[in-house]
C-alpha cells in the first residue's frame, strides 16, 4: 500500500518535472500553454 502510493506520487512528481523541463528547454512546445 505504502509502496503503491509512493510510486504513484513519484510518477506524478516526475511527470510534473518533465513538463517543466520540456517548457524550459523547448519553450516552443509549451508556447501555446505559456503565452
Protein backbone atom coordinates (compact mmCIF):
# COMPACT_ATOMS: atom_id res chain seq x y z
CA UNK A 1 0.00 0.00 0.00
CA UNK A 2 2.72 2.47 1.01
CA UNK A 3 4.88 1.42 -1.93
CA UNK A 4 1.96 1.81 -4.36
CA UNK A 5 1.07 5.27 -3.04
CA UNK A 6 4.70 6.35 -3.03
CA UNK A 7 5.15 5.03 -6.57
CA UNK A 8 2.10 6.98 -7.74
CA UNK A 9 3.36 10.19 -6.11
CA UNK A 10 6.79 9.64 -7.66
CA UNK A 11 5.28 9.16 -11.13
CA UNK A 12 3.15 12.29 -10.71
CA UNK A 13 6.15 14.30 -9.48
CA UNK A 14 8.31 13.04 -12.37
CA UNK A 15 5.57 13.93 -14.86
CA UNK A 16 5.41 17.48 -13.48
CA UNK A 17 9.21 17.80 -13.55
CA UNK A 18 9.35 16.55 -17.14
CA UNK A 19 6.67 19.06 -18.17
CA UNK A 20 8.61 21.92 -16.53
CA UNK A 21 11.90 20.78 -18.11
CA UNK A 22 10.23 20.47 -21.52
CA UNK A 23 8.84 24.01 -21.14
CA UNK A 24 12.30 25.30 -20.20
CA UNK A 25 14.31 23.53 -22.89
CA UNK A 26 11.58 23.56 -25.53
CA UNK A 27 9.55 26.78 -24.99
CA UNK A 28 8.09 26.46 -28.48
CA UNK A 29 6.22 23.30 -27.46
CA UNK A 30 4.72 24.95 -24.38
CA UNK A 31 4.27 28.31 -26.12
CA UNK A 32 0.54 27.72 -26.64
CA UNK A 33 0.19 26.99 -22.90
CA UNK A 34 2.50 29.74 -21.58
CA UNK A 35 1.98 32.87 -23.68
